[in-house]
Amino acid sequence: MTQAAPTSPCMNICVLDAARTCTGCHRTLDEIARWGRMSAAEQWQVIARIDFERGRHGLPAAVQER
């Protein structure tokens, strides 16, 4: 069975910091640009990285699996 893709972690707070990372969804500019072309597995890897970073800062998870 193929893994379902996650929903986009976009929060409509599209502001890039000095490291070119969105302050809303915490994706890099490259991840944002490639999101629609990524496989579900690649998207989940991005979500895992975001959730790890958010957890380090005491923030809730980016998205929940469908």
N, C-alpha and C. Protein backbone atom coordinates (compact mmCIF):
# COMPACT_ATOMS: atom_id res chain seq x y z
N MET A 1 0.83 -1.18 0.00
CA MET A 1 0.00 0.00 0.00
C MET A 1 0.88 1.25 0.00
N THR A 2 0.49 2.23 -0.77
CA THR A 2 1.23 3.47 -0.87
C THR A 2 0.88 4.39 0.29
N GLN A 3 1.89 5.01 0.84
CA GLN A 3 1.69 5.92 1.96
C GLN A 3 0.99 7.18 1.48
N ALA A 4 -0.02 7.63 2.22
CA ALA A 4 -0.72 8.86 1.89
C ALA A 4 0.19 10.05 2.17
N ALA A 5 0.09 11.04 1.33
CA ALA A 5 0.89 12.25 1.51
C ALA A 5 0.30 13.09 2.65
N PRO A 6 1.14 13.79 3.40
CA PRO A 6 0.64 14.67 4.44
C PRO A 6 0.04 15.92 3.82
N THR A 7 -0.78 16.61 4.58
CA THR A 7 -1.24 17.91 4.13
C THR A 7 -0.07 18.88 4.23
N SER A 8 -0.12 19.94 3.50
CA SER A 8 0.94 20.93 3.55
C SER A 8 0.98 21.55 4.94
N PRO A 9 2.17 21.75 5.48
CA PRO A 9 2.29 22.38 6.79
C PRO A 9 2.16 23.91 6.73
N CYS A 10 1.86 24.44 5.55
CA CYS A 10 1.75 25.89 5.39
C CYS A 10 0.75 26.46 6.38
N MET A 11 1.13 27.58 7.02
CA MET A 11 0.28 28.24 8.00
C MET A 11 -0.15 29.63 7.51
N ASN A 12 0.15 29.92 6.25
CA ASN A 12 -0.14 31.23 5.67
C ASN A 12 0.54 32.36 6.43
N ILE A 13 1.70 32.06 6.96
CA ILE A 13 2.58 33.06 7.57
C ILE A 13 3.88 32.95 6.79
N CYS A 14 3.89 33.50 5.62
CA CYS A 14 4.99 33.27 4.68
C CYS A 14 6.03 34.37 4.79
N VAL A 15 6.90 34.21 5.79
CA VAL A 15 7.99 35.15 6.01
C VAL A 15 9.26 34.33 6.19
N LEU A 16 10.26 34.63 5.39
CA LEU A 16 11.53 33.90 5.47
C LEU A 16 12.48 34.61 6.43
N ASP A 17 13.17 33.82 7.25
CA ASP A 17 14.18 34.38 8.14
C ASP A 17 15.51 34.48 7.38
N ALA A 18 16.56 34.83 8.08
CA ALA A 18 17.87 35.02 7.45
C ALA A 18 18.41 33.71 6.85
N ALA A 19 17.98 32.57 7.39
CA ALA A 19 18.44 31.27 6.88
C ALA A 19 17.55 30.77 5.75
N ARG A 20 16.63 31.61 5.28
CA ARG A 20 15.69 31.28 4.19
C ARG A 20 14.76 30.12 4.59
N THR A 21 14.33 30.17 5.85
CA THR A 21 13.37 29.22 6.39
C THR A 21 12.11 29.99 6.76
N CYS A 22 10.94 29.45 6.41
CA CYS A 22 9.68 30.12 6.70
C CYS A 22 9.44 30.14 8.21
N THR A 23 9.10 31.28 8.76
CA THR A 23 8.84 31.39 10.18
C THR A 23 7.49 30.80 10.56
N GLY A 24 6.64 30.53 9.58
CA GLY A 24 5.33 29.93 9.85
C GLY A 24 5.39 28.41 9.84
N CYS A 25 5.79 27.83 8.71
CA CYS A 25 5.76 26.36 8.58
C CYS A 25 7.11 25.71 8.84
N HIS A 26 8.17 26.48 8.93
CA HIS A 26 9.52 25.99 9.22
C HIS A 26 10.14 25.17 8.09
N ARG A 27 9.60 25.30 6.87
CA ARG A 27 10.24 24.65 5.72
C ARG A 27 11.25 25.61 5.12
N THR A 28 12.27 25.04 4.50
CA THR A 28 13.24 25.87 3.79
C THR A 28 12.60 26.34 2.49
N LEU A 29 13.19 27.34 1.89
CA LEU A 29 12.68 27.84 0.62
C LEU A 29 12.67 26.73 -0.43
N ASP A 30 13.71 25.89 -0.45
CA ASP A 30 13.77 24.78 -1.38
C ASP A 30 12.64 23.78 -1.12
N GLU A 31 12.38 23.47 0.14
CA GLU A 31 11.29 22.53 0.47
C GLU A 31 9.93 23.08 0.04
N ILE A 32 9.74 24.36 0.24
CA ILE A 32 8.47 24.99 -0.17
C ILE A 32 8.32 24.89 -1.69
N ALA A 33 9.37 25.22 -2.41
CA ALA A 33 9.32 25.21 -3.87
C ALA A 33 9.10 23.82 -4.43
N ARG A 34 9.68 22.81 -3.79
CA ARG A 34 9.59 21.44 -4.31
C ARG A 34 8.42 20.63 -3.74
N TRP A 35 7.70 21.15 -2.77
CA TRP A 35 6.68 20.38 -2.05
C TRP A 35 5.74 19.61 -2.98
N GLY A 36 5.19 20.23 -3.98
CA GLY A 36 4.25 19.58 -4.87
C GLY A 36 4.85 18.50 -5.75
N ARG A 37 6.17 18.50 -5.89
CA ARG A 37 6.85 17.50 -6.71
C ARG A 37 7.49 16.40 -5.86
N MET A 38 7.46 16.54 -4.55
CA MET A 38 8.03 15.54 -3.66
C MET A 38 7.13 14.31 -3.58
N SER A 39 7.75 13.16 -3.36
CA SER A 39 6.96 11.96 -3.08
C SER A 39 6.38 12.09 -1.67
N ALA A 40 5.41 11.25 -1.36
CA ALA A 40 4.83 11.26 -0.01
C ALA A 40 5.91 10.99 1.03
N ALA A 41 6.81 10.07 0.73
CA ALA A 41 7.89 9.74 1.67
C ALA A 41 8.78 10.96 1.92
N GLU A 42 9.11 11.70 0.87
CA GLU A 42 9.93 12.90 1.03
C GLU A 42 9.18 13.95 1.86
N GLN A 43 7.89 14.11 1.59
CA GLN A 43 7.10 15.07 2.36
C GLN A 43 7.07 14.69 3.84
N TRP A 44 6.91 13.39 4.14
CA TRP A 44 6.90 12.96 5.54
C TRP A 44 8.25 13.18 6.20
N GLN A 45 9.34 13.08 5.42
CA GLN A 45 10.67 13.37 5.97
C GLN A 45 10.77 14.84 6.37
N VAL A 46 10.22 15.71 5.54
CA VAL A 46 10.21 17.14 5.86
C VAL A 46 9.38 17.37 7.12
N ILE A 47 8.20 16.74 7.19
CA ILE A 47 7.34 16.89 8.36
C ILE A 47 8.06 16.41 9.62
N ALA A 48 8.76 15.27 9.52
CA ALA A 48 9.49 14.75 10.68
C ALA A 48 10.55 15.74 11.14
N ARG A 49 11.27 16.35 10.20
CA ARG A 49 12.28 17.34 10.57
C ARG A 49 11.64 18.55 11.23
N ILE A 50 10.53 19.02 10.65
CA ILE A 50 9.82 20.17 11.21
C ILE A 50 9.35 19.85 12.63
N ASP A 51 8.74 18.67 12.81
CA ASP A 51 8.23 18.28 14.13
C ASP A 51 9.35 18.17 15.15
N PHE A 52 10.51 17.65 14.72
CA PHE A 52 11.67 17.57 15.61
C PHE A 52 12.07 18.97 16.06
N GLU A 53 12.19 19.88 15.11
CA GLU A 53 12.58 21.25 15.43
C GLU A 53 11.54 21.94 16.32
N ARG A 54 10.26 21.75 15.97
CA ARG A 54 9.19 22.36 16.77
C ARG A 54 9.20 21.80 18.19
N GLY A 55 9.44 20.49 18.34
CA GLY A 55 9.51 19.86 19.65
C GLY A 55 10.64 20.42 20.50
N ARG A 56 11.75 20.73 19.85
CA ARG A 56 12.89 21.33 20.57
C ARG A 56 12.53 22.68 21.14
N HIS A 57 11.53 23.34 20.53
CA HIS A 57 11.13 24.68 20.98
C HIS A 57 9.79 24.67 21.71
N GLY A 58 9.29 23.46 22.03
CA GLY A 58 8.05 23.35 22.79
C GLY A 58 6.80 23.71 22.01
N LEU A 59 6.85 23.58 20.68
CA LEU A 59 5.70 23.90 19.84
C LEU A 59 4.98 22.62 19.44
N PRO A 60 3.69 22.69 19.11
CA PRO A 60 2.95 21.49 18.69
C PRO A 60 3.42 20.99 17.33
N ALA A 61 3.07 19.74 17.02
CA ALA A 61 3.43 19.12 15.75
C ALA A 61 2.87 19.92 14.58
N ALA A 62 3.54 19.83 13.43
CA ALA A 62 3.16 20.58 12.24
C ALA A 62 1.84 20.08 11.66
N VAL A 63 1.71 18.79 11.42
CA VAL A 63 0.49 18.21 10.87
C VAL A 63 0.26 16.84 11.49
N GLN A 64 -0.94 16.39 11.39
CA GLN A 64 -1.29 15.06 11.88
C GLN A 64 -1.50 14.16 10.66
N GLU A 65 -1.07 12.91 10.76
CA GLU A 65 -1.26 11.96 9.66
C GLU A 65 -2.75 11.72 9.45
N ARG A 66 -3.14 11.59 8.15
CA ARG A 66 -4.54 11.36 7.82
C ARG A 66 -4.96 9.97 8.23
